[in-house]
Amino acid sequence: MTDPGSVAEAFDAVRAAFGSVDVLVHNPSAPAGGSVDDCDPAAFERPWRVRAYGGYLCAREALAAGGEPTVLFSGTAYGVEATGAMPDWSSAAFATRGLAASLDDGTAADATYVAIGANVAPPGGYVTENRVAAEEVAARFVGFADDPPETVTVRVP
């Protein structure tokens, strides 16, 4: 996700098999969490590199063939409302949200940051007040791919 050559190679394979990229859903994860005092510099950098830098590399490749892709960045609500409990994850989310806004304004892509404001249960997993079904999130993303939202940041659920 963070190696430009590997990302380019993966997108080359996708373009060879399917043509230009119409929709990119960037949904990576990286271990993170803890206060500033509990987080060493490498751990702090990891979510930023995977989410923001990796998102940049993937979006750049999706645009490389001259298409007009829909780019959906799956992210946390911490990109809208920061938390002191996870400054590494919050700052990475804000950076990714800024990337979406920049792409939406400055490229042929329709880019959106999708702030997921709940834990996502695995397919078939139990759902609670603070835990949304993976199937519901997937259905929302399919809807966004078919009809990109007008706003740069959308909350799910």
N, C-alpha and C. Protein backbone atom coordinates (compact mmCIF):
# COMPACT_ATOMS: atom_id res chain seq x y z
N MET A 1 0.81 -1.19 0.00
CA MET A 1 0.00 0.00 0.00
C MET A 1 0.86 1.26 0.00
N THR A 2 2.07 1.19 0.53
CA THR A 2 2.88 2.40 0.64
C THR A 2 4.12 2.37 -0.26
N ASP A 3 4.25 1.36 -1.09
CA ASP A 3 5.36 1.28 -2.02
C ASP A 3 4.87 1.68 -3.42
N PRO A 4 5.34 2.82 -3.94
CA PRO A 4 4.84 3.30 -5.24
C PRO A 4 4.96 2.27 -6.36
N GLY A 5 6.06 1.53 -6.40
CA GLY A 5 6.23 0.52 -7.44
C GLY A 5 5.23 -0.61 -7.35
N SER A 6 4.98 -1.08 -6.13
CA SER A 6 4.02 -2.16 -5.94
C SER A 6 2.60 -1.71 -6.28
N VAL A 7 2.25 -0.50 -5.89
CA VAL A 7 0.92 0.02 -6.19
C VAL A 7 0.76 0.16 -7.70
N ALA A 8 1.76 0.72 -8.38
CA ALA A 8 1.70 0.87 -9.84
C ALA A 8 1.57 -0.48 -10.52
N GLU A 9 2.32 -1.46 -10.05
CA GLU A 9 2.25 -2.81 -10.62
C GLU A 9 0.86 -3.41 -10.45
N ALA A 10 0.25 -3.24 -9.28
CA ALA A 10 -1.09 -3.77 -9.04
C ALA A 10 -2.12 -3.10 -9.96
N PHE A 11 -2.01 -1.78 -10.12
CA PHE A 11 -2.95 -1.08 -10.99
C PHE A 11 -2.71 -1.43 -12.46
N ASP A 12 -1.48 -1.67 -12.84
CA ASP A 12 -1.20 -2.12 -14.21
C ASP A 12 -1.93 -3.43 -14.48
N ALA A 13 -1.89 -4.34 -13.50
CA ALA A 13 -2.57 -5.63 -13.65
C ALA A 13 -4.08 -5.44 -13.75
N VAL A 14 -4.63 -4.54 -12.93
CA VAL A 14 -6.07 -4.27 -12.98
C VAL A 14 -6.46 -3.68 -14.33
N ARG A 15 -5.69 -2.69 -14.80
CA ARG A 15 -5.99 -2.07 -16.09
C ARG A 15 -5.87 -3.08 -17.23
N ALA A 16 -4.88 -3.97 -17.17
CA ALA A 16 -4.71 -4.98 -18.21
C ALA A 16 -5.90 -5.94 -18.25
N ALA A 17 -6.44 -6.26 -17.09
CA ALA A 17 -7.56 -7.21 -17.02
C ALA A 17 -8.92 -6.56 -17.27
N PHE A 18 -9.09 -5.29 -16.81
CA PHE A 18 -10.43 -4.70 -16.82
C PHE A 18 -10.53 -3.34 -17.52
N GLY A 19 -9.42 -2.76 -17.91
CA GLY A 19 -9.45 -1.41 -18.49
C GLY A 19 -9.27 -0.37 -17.40
N SER A 20 -9.70 0.84 -17.69
CA SER A 20 -9.51 1.93 -16.73
C SER A 20 -10.31 1.70 -15.45
N VAL A 21 -9.88 2.34 -14.40
CA VAL A 21 -10.52 2.20 -13.10
C VAL A 21 -11.72 3.16 -13.04
N ASP A 22 -12.91 2.59 -12.85
CA ASP A 22 -14.12 3.41 -12.73
C ASP A 22 -14.39 3.80 -11.29
N VAL A 23 -14.12 2.87 -10.37
CA VAL A 23 -14.38 3.11 -8.95
C VAL A 23 -13.21 2.57 -8.15
N LEU A 24 -12.72 3.40 -7.23
CA LEU A 24 -11.68 2.99 -6.29
C LEU A 24 -12.24 3.15 -4.89
N VAL A 25 -12.28 2.07 -4.14
CA VAL A 25 -12.62 2.13 -2.71
C VAL A 25 -11.33 1.88 -1.96
N HIS A 26 -10.87 2.90 -1.27
CA HIS A 26 -9.63 2.79 -0.51
C HIS A 26 -10.02 2.53 0.95
N ASN A 27 -9.79 1.31 1.41
CA ASN A 27 -10.25 0.89 2.73
C ASN A 27 -9.15 0.12 3.46
N PRO A 28 -8.00 0.75 3.66
CA PRO A 28 -6.92 0.05 4.36
C PRO A 28 -7.04 0.21 5.87
N SER A 29 -6.27 -0.55 6.57
CA SER A 29 -6.21 -0.40 8.01
C SER A 29 -4.76 -0.57 8.45
N ALA A 30 -4.46 0.00 9.58
CA ALA A 30 -3.12 -0.12 10.15
C ALA A 30 -3.25 -0.11 11.66
N PRO A 31 -2.47 -0.91 12.36
CA PRO A 31 -2.53 -0.88 13.82
C PRO A 31 -2.25 0.53 14.32
N ALA A 32 -3.07 0.98 15.24
CA ALA A 32 -2.91 2.32 15.78
C ALA A 32 -3.63 2.40 17.12
N GLY A 33 -3.47 3.52 17.76
CA GLY A 33 -4.20 3.75 18.99
C GLY A 33 -3.29 4.11 20.13
N GLY A 34 -3.84 4.85 21.02
CA GLY A 34 -3.10 5.27 22.19
C GLY A 34 -2.84 6.76 22.18
N SER A 35 -2.64 7.30 23.34
CA SER A 35 -2.40 8.73 23.48
C SER A 35 -1.02 9.08 22.94
N VAL A 36 -0.73 10.36 22.88
CA VAL A 36 0.58 10.82 22.41
C VAL A 36 1.69 10.19 23.26
N ASP A 37 1.47 10.08 24.55
CA ASP A 37 2.47 9.50 25.44
C ASP A 37 2.69 8.01 25.20
N ASP A 38 1.66 7.32 24.69
CA ASP A 38 1.74 5.87 24.49
C ASP A 38 2.16 5.45 23.09
N CYS A 39 2.40 6.41 22.23
CA CYS A 39 2.62 6.10 20.82
C CYS A 39 4.02 6.53 20.40
N ASP A 40 4.84 5.59 19.95
CA ASP A 40 6.16 5.96 19.48
C ASP A 40 6.04 6.53 18.06
N PRO A 41 7.06 7.25 17.57
CA PRO A 41 6.97 7.90 16.26
C PRO A 41 6.64 6.96 15.10
N ALA A 42 7.20 5.76 15.08
CA ALA A 42 6.90 4.83 13.99
C ALA A 42 5.44 4.40 14.02
N ALA A 43 4.91 4.15 15.22
CA ALA A 43 3.51 3.76 15.35
C ALA A 43 2.59 4.92 14.96
N PHE A 44 3.00 6.15 15.29
CA PHE A 44 2.21 7.32 14.92
C PHE A 44 2.17 7.48 13.40
N GLU A 45 3.27 7.23 12.73
CA GLU A 45 3.37 7.42 11.28
C GLU A 45 2.62 6.35 10.49
N ARG A 46 2.52 5.15 11.01
CA ARG A 46 1.96 4.01 10.28
C ARG A 46 0.56 4.28 9.71
N PRO A 47 -0.43 4.73 10.50
CA PRO A 47 -1.75 4.95 9.90
C PRO A 47 -1.75 6.07 8.86
N TRP A 48 -0.93 7.09 9.05
CA TRP A 48 -0.85 8.15 8.05
C TRP A 48 -0.32 7.60 6.73
N ARG A 49 0.75 6.80 6.81
CA ARG A 49 1.34 6.26 5.57
C ARG A 49 0.36 5.34 4.85
N VAL A 50 -0.32 4.49 5.59
CA VAL A 50 -1.25 3.54 4.97
C VAL A 50 -2.49 4.26 4.45
N ARG A 51 -3.07 5.15 5.23
CA ARG A 51 -4.33 5.79 4.85
C ARG A 51 -4.12 6.95 3.89
N ALA A 52 -3.33 7.95 4.26
CA ALA A 52 -3.20 9.16 3.43
C ALA A 52 -2.23 8.95 2.27
N TYR A 53 -1.02 8.52 2.56
CA TYR A 53 -0.04 8.32 1.49
C TYR A 53 -0.45 7.19 0.56
N GLY A 54 -0.90 6.08 1.14
CA GLY A 54 -1.39 4.96 0.31
C GLY A 54 -2.60 5.37 -0.52
N GLY A 55 -3.47 6.19 0.06
CA GLY A 55 -4.62 6.69 -0.69
C GLY A 55 -4.20 7.56 -1.86
N TYR A 56 -3.19 8.39 -1.62
CA TYR A 56 -2.64 9.22 -2.70
C TYR A 56 -2.10 8.34 -3.82
N LEU A 57 -1.29 7.33 -3.47
CA LEU A 57 -0.71 6.46 -4.49
C LEU A 57 -1.79 5.75 -5.30
N CYS A 58 -2.80 5.25 -4.63
CA CYS A 58 -3.88 4.54 -5.33
C CYS A 58 -4.70 5.49 -6.20
N ALA A 59 -5.02 6.66 -5.69
CA ALA A 59 -5.79 7.63 -6.47
C ALA A 59 -5.00 8.08 -7.69
N ARG A 60 -3.71 8.30 -7.51
CA ARG A 60 -2.86 8.70 -8.63
C ARG A 60 -2.89 7.65 -9.72
N GLU A 61 -2.82 6.38 -9.34
CA GLU A 61 -2.87 5.30 -10.33
C GLU A 61 -4.24 5.17 -10.96
N ALA A 62 -5.29 5.38 -10.19
CA ALA A 62 -6.65 5.31 -10.74
C ALA A 62 -6.87 6.39 -11.80
N LEU A 63 -6.23 7.53 -11.62
CA LEU A 63 -6.33 8.63 -12.58
C LEU A 63 -5.35 8.51 -13.74
N ALA A 64 -4.36 7.63 -13.63
CA ALA A 64 -3.26 7.57 -14.58
C ALA A 64 -3.70 7.30 -16.02
N ALA A 65 -4.73 6.55 -16.23
CA ALA A 65 -5.15 6.19 -17.58
C ALA A 65 -6.06 7.25 -18.19
N GLY A 66 -6.21 8.37 -17.49
CA GLY A 66 -7.02 9.45 -18.04
C GLY A 66 -8.51 9.30 -17.82
N GLY A 67 -8.91 8.40 -16.95
CA GLY A 67 -10.32 8.21 -16.67
C GLY A 67 -10.84 9.24 -15.69
N GLU A 68 -12.08 9.09 -15.32
CA GLU A 68 -12.72 9.96 -14.34
C GLU A 68 -13.33 9.09 -13.24
N PRO A 69 -12.48 8.48 -12.42
CA PRO A 69 -12.98 7.52 -11.43
C PRO A 69 -13.72 8.17 -10.28
N THR A 70 -14.58 7.39 -9.68
CA THR A 70 -15.14 7.72 -8.38
C THR A 70 -14.18 7.14 -7.35
N VAL A 71 -13.70 7.98 -6.43
CA VAL A 71 -12.75 7.55 -5.42
C VAL A 71 -13.42 7.70 -4.06
N LEU A 72 -13.58 6.59 -3.37
CA LEU A 72 -14.22 6.58 -2.05
C LEU A 72 -13.18 6.16 -1.02
N PHE A 73 -12.90 7.06 -0.10
CA PHE A 73 -11.98 6.76 0.99
C PHE A 73 -12.80 6.35 2.19
N SER A 74 -12.70 5.09 2.57
CA SER A 74 -13.38 4.61 3.76
C SER A 74 -12.57 5.06 4.97
N GLY A 75 -13.23 5.72 5.90
CA GLY A 75 -12.49 6.22 7.05
C GLY A 75 -13.33 6.29 8.30
N THR A 76 -12.70 6.76 9.32
CA THR A 76 -13.32 6.87 10.62
C THR A 76 -13.94 8.25 10.82
N ALA A 77 -14.91 8.33 11.70
CA ALA A 77 -15.50 9.62 12.06
C ALA A 77 -14.48 10.50 12.79
N TYR A 78 -13.36 9.92 13.21
CA TYR A 78 -12.29 10.72 13.83
C TYR A 78 -11.70 11.72 12.84
N GLY A 79 -12.00 11.58 11.56
CA GLY A 79 -11.58 12.54 10.56
C GLY A 79 -12.48 13.76 10.51
N VAL A 80 -13.57 13.71 11.25
CA VAL A 80 -14.51 14.83 11.34
C VAL A 80 -14.46 15.42 12.75
N GLU A 81 -14.40 14.53 13.73
CA GLU A 81 -14.33 14.92 15.14
C GLU A 81 -13.14 14.18 15.76
N ALA A 82 -12.07 14.89 16.00
CA ALA A 82 -10.84 14.27 16.50
C ALA A 82 -11.04 13.70 17.91
N THR A 83 -10.16 12.77 18.25
CA THR A 83 -10.16 12.22 19.60
C THR A 83 -8.73 12.24 20.14
N GLY A 84 -8.58 12.67 21.37
CA GLY A 84 -7.28 12.68 22.02
C GLY A 84 -6.80 11.29 22.36
N ALA A 85 -7.73 10.33 22.37
CA ALA A 85 -7.36 8.96 22.69
C ALA A 85 -6.58 8.29 21.56
N MET A 86 -6.76 8.79 20.33
CA MET A 86 -6.10 8.18 19.17
C MET A 86 -5.62 9.28 18.22
N PRO A 87 -4.63 10.09 18.63
CA PRO A 87 -4.18 11.17 17.75
C PRO A 87 -3.53 10.67 16.46
N ASP A 88 -2.95 9.49 16.49
CA ASP A 88 -2.36 8.94 15.26
C ASP A 88 -3.45 8.65 14.23
N TRP A 89 -4.50 7.99 14.66
CA TRP A 89 -5.60 7.63 13.77
C TRP A 89 -6.38 8.88 13.35
N SER A 90 -6.62 9.79 14.28
CA SER A 90 -7.35 11.03 13.95
C SER A 90 -6.60 11.86 12.93
N SER A 91 -5.31 12.05 13.14
CA SER A 91 -4.54 12.87 12.20
C SER A 91 -4.47 12.22 10.82
N ALA A 92 -4.37 10.90 10.78
CA ALA A 92 -4.38 10.20 9.49
C ALA A 92 -5.73 10.37 8.80
N ALA A 93 -6.81 10.32 9.58
CA ALA A 93 -8.15 10.49 9.01
C ALA A 93 -8.34 11.91 8.47
N PHE A 94 -7.88 12.91 9.21
CA PHE A 94 -7.98 14.29 8.72
C PHE A 94 -7.16 14.46 7.44
N ALA A 95 -5.98 13.86 7.38
CA ALA A 95 -5.15 13.95 6.17
C ALA A 95 -5.85 13.29 4.99
N THR A 96 -6.46 12.15 5.21
CA THR A 96 -7.15 11.44 4.14
C THR A 96 -8.38 12.23 3.69
N ARG A 97 -9.08 12.82 4.63
CA ARG A 97 -10.23 13.66 4.29
C ARG A 97 -9.78 14.86 3.46
N GLY A 98 -8.65 15.46 3.81
CA GLY A 98 -8.10 16.56 3.02
C GLY A 98 -7.70 16.11 1.63
N LEU A 99 -7.14 14.91 1.53
CA LEU A 99 -6.79 14.36 0.22
C LEU A 99 -8.04 14.22 -0.64
N ALA A 100 -9.12 13.70 -0.07
CA ALA A 100 -10.38 13.56 -0.82
C ALA A 100 -10.85 14.91 -1.34
N ALA A 101 -10.81 15.92 -0.49
CA ALA A 101 -11.25 17.26 -0.89
C ALA A 101 -10.36 17.81 -2.00
N SER A 102 -9.07 17.60 -1.89
CA SER A 102 -8.13 18.08 -2.91
C SER A 102 -8.35 17.38 -4.24
N LEU A 103 -8.55 16.07 -4.21
CA LEU A 103 -8.80 15.32 -5.44
C LEU A 103 -10.12 15.75 -6.07
N ASP A 104 -11.14 15.93 -5.23
CA ASP A 104 -12.45 16.31 -5.74
C ASP A 104 -12.41 17.68 -6.41
N ASP A 105 -11.59 18.56 -5.89
CA ASP A 105 -11.49 19.92 -6.41
C ASP A 105 -10.50 20.05 -7.56
N GLY A 106 -9.45 19.22 -7.57
CA GLY A 106 -8.36 19.46 -8.50
C GLY A 106 -8.12 18.41 -9.56
N THR A 107 -8.98 17.38 -9.65
CA THR A 107 -8.76 16.32 -10.63
C THR A 107 -10.09 15.95 -11.27
N ALA A 108 -10.03 14.99 -12.19
CA ALA A 108 -11.24 14.49 -12.85
C ALA A 108 -12.00 13.50 -11.97
N ALA A 109 -11.46 13.20 -10.80
CA ALA A 109 -12.10 12.21 -9.92
C ALA A 109 -13.25 12.85 -9.13
N ASP A 110 -14.29 12.05 -8.87
CA ASP A 110 -15.29 12.38 -7.87
C ASP A 110 -14.81 11.71 -6.60
N ALA A 111 -14.24 12.46 -5.67
CA ALA A 111 -13.64 11.87 -4.48
C ALA A 111 -14.46 12.23 -3.24
N THR A 112 -14.65 11.25 -2.37
CA THR A 112 -15.42 11.44 -1.15
C THR A 112 -14.75 10.69 -0.01
N TYR A 113 -14.70 11.33 1.15
CA TYR A 113 -14.27 10.67 2.39
C TYR A 113 -15.54 10.19 3.08
N VAL A 114 -15.64 8.90 3.32
CA VAL A 114 -16.81 8.31 3.97
C VAL A 114 -16.46 8.05 5.42
N ALA A 115 -17.02 8.85 6.31
CA ALA A 115 -16.74 8.73 7.74
C ALA A 115 -17.68 7.70 8.35
N ILE A 116 -17.14 6.58 8.74
CA ILE A 116 -17.95 5.53 9.36
C ILE A 116 -17.94 5.76 10.86
N GLY A 117 -19.10 6.07 11.40
CA GLY A 117 -19.20 6.47 12.79
C GLY A 117 -19.60 5.35 13.73
N ALA A 118 -19.24 4.13 13.40
CA ALA A 118 -19.57 2.98 14.26
C ALA A 118 -18.57 1.87 13.95
N ASN A 119 -18.49 0.91 14.84
CA ASN A 119 -17.73 -0.29 14.54
C ASN A 119 -18.49 -1.07 13.49
N VAL A 120 -17.78 -1.78 12.65
CA VAL A 120 -18.42 -2.57 11.59
C VAL A 120 -18.31 -4.04 11.97
N ALA A 121 -19.47 -4.67 12.09
CA ALA A 121 -19.51 -6.10 12.40
C ALA A 121 -19.12 -6.88 11.16
N PRO A 122 -18.41 -7.99 11.29
CA PRO A 122 -18.08 -8.80 10.12
C PRO A 122 -19.37 -9.35 9.50
N PRO A 123 -19.32 -9.75 8.23
CA PRO A 123 -20.52 -10.30 7.59
C PRO A 123 -21.17 -11.36 8.46
N GLY A 124 -22.45 -11.19 8.69
CA GLY A 124 -23.19 -12.13 9.51
C GLY A 124 -23.00 -11.93 11.00
N GLY A 125 -22.17 -10.98 11.41
CA GLY A 125 -21.90 -10.72 12.82
C GLY A 125 -23.05 -9.99 13.49
N TYR A 126 -23.01 -9.93 14.80
CA TYR A 126 -24.09 -9.29 15.54
C TYR A 126 -23.99 -7.77 15.44
N VAL A 127 -25.16 -7.13 15.41
CA VAL A 127 -25.27 -5.68 15.28
C VAL A 127 -25.84 -5.14 16.58
N THR A 128 -25.29 -4.02 17.04
CA THR A 128 -25.78 -3.35 18.23
C THR A 128 -25.97 -1.88 17.92
N GLU A 129 -26.27 -1.10 18.94
CA GLU A 129 -26.44 0.34 18.77
C GLU A 129 -25.17 1.01 18.23
N ASN A 130 -24.00 0.49 18.60
CA ASN A 130 -22.72 1.07 18.17
C ASN A 130 -21.97 0.20 17.16
N ARG A 131 -22.68 -0.77 16.58
CA ARG A 131 -22.03 -1.69 15.65
C ARG A 131 -22.96 -1.93 14.47
N VAL A 132 -22.51 -1.54 13.29
CA VAL A 132 -23.32 -1.61 12.08
C VAL A 132 -22.93 -2.85 11.27
N ALA A 133 -23.86 -3.40 10.53
CA ALA A 133 -23.61 -4.59 9.72
C ALA A 133 -22.72 -4.25 8.53
N ALA A 134 -21.75 -5.11 8.26
CA ALA A 134 -20.86 -4.92 7.11
C ALA A 134 -21.67 -4.84 5.82
N GLU A 135 -22.74 -5.61 5.74
CA GLU A 135 -23.59 -5.61 4.55
C GLU A 135 -24.22 -4.25 4.32
N GLU A 136 -24.60 -3.56 5.40
CA GLU A 136 -25.18 -2.22 5.28
C GLU A 136 -24.14 -1.22 4.77
N VAL A 137 -22.94 -1.31 5.30
CA VAL A 137 -21.86 -0.42 4.85
C VAL A 137 -21.55 -0.70 3.38
N ALA A 138 -21.45 -1.97 3.02
CA ALA A 138 -21.16 -2.32 1.62
C ALA A 138 -22.25 -1.80 0.69
N ALA A 139 -23.50 -1.92 1.09
CA ALA A 139 -24.60 -1.42 0.26
C ALA A 139 -24.50 0.09 0.07
N ARG A 140 -24.13 0.80 1.11
CA ARG A 140 -23.96 2.26 0.99
C ARG A 140 -22.84 2.59 0.02
N PHE A 141 -21.73 1.85 0.08
CA PHE A 141 -20.62 2.10 -0.83
C PHE A 141 -21.01 1.80 -2.28
N VAL A 142 -21.77 0.75 -2.50
CA VAL A 142 -22.25 0.45 -3.85
C VAL A 142 -23.11 1.61 -4.35
N GLY A 143 -23.97 2.13 -3.48
CA GLY A 143 -24.79 3.29 -3.85
C GLY A 143 -23.94 4.50 -4.18
N PHE A 144 -22.89 4.75 -3.38
CA PHE A 144 -22.00 5.88 -3.64
C PHE A 144 -21.24 5.68 -4.96
N ALA A 145 -20.87 4.44 -5.27
CA ALA A 145 -20.16 4.18 -6.52
C ALA A 145 -21.06 4.47 -7.72
N ASP A 146 -22.34 4.11 -7.60
CA ASP A 146 -23.30 4.35 -8.68
C ASP A 146 -23.69 5.81 -8.79
N ASP A 147 -23.76 6.50 -7.65
CA ASP A 147 -24.19 7.89 -7.61
C ASP A 147 -23.34 8.62 -6.57
N PRO A 148 -22.16 9.13 -6.98
CA PRO A 148 -21.25 9.77 -6.01
C PRO A 148 -21.92 10.91 -5.26
N PRO A 149 -21.70 10.99 -3.97
CA PRO A 149 -22.28 12.07 -3.18
C PRO A 149 -21.75 13.44 -3.63
N GLU A 150 -22.56 14.45 -3.43
CA GLU A 150 -22.16 15.80 -3.78
C GLU A 150 -21.16 16.37 -2.77
N THR A 151 -21.21 15.90 -1.53
CA THR A 151 -20.33 16.43 -0.50
C THR A 151 -19.06 15.62 -0.43
N VAL A 152 -18.03 16.25 0.11
CA VAL A 152 -16.73 15.60 0.20
C VAL A 152 -16.67 14.61 1.35
N THR A 153 -17.44 14.85 2.41
CA THR A 153 -17.44 13.94 3.55
C THR A 153 -18.86 13.46 3.81
N VAL A 154 -19.05 12.17 3.85
CA VAL A 154 -20.34 11.57 4.09
C VAL A 154 -20.23 10.68 5.31
N ARG A 155 -21.24 10.72 6.18
CA ARG A 155 -21.23 9.86 7.36
C ARG A 155 -22.05 8.60 7.13
N VAL A 156 -21.52 7.49 7.58
CA VAL A 156 -22.20 6.20 7.56
C VAL A 156 -22.05 5.61 8.94
N PRO A 157 -23.02 5.12 9.59
CA PRO A 157 -24.45 5.17 9.26
C PRO A 157 -25.06 6.49 9.58
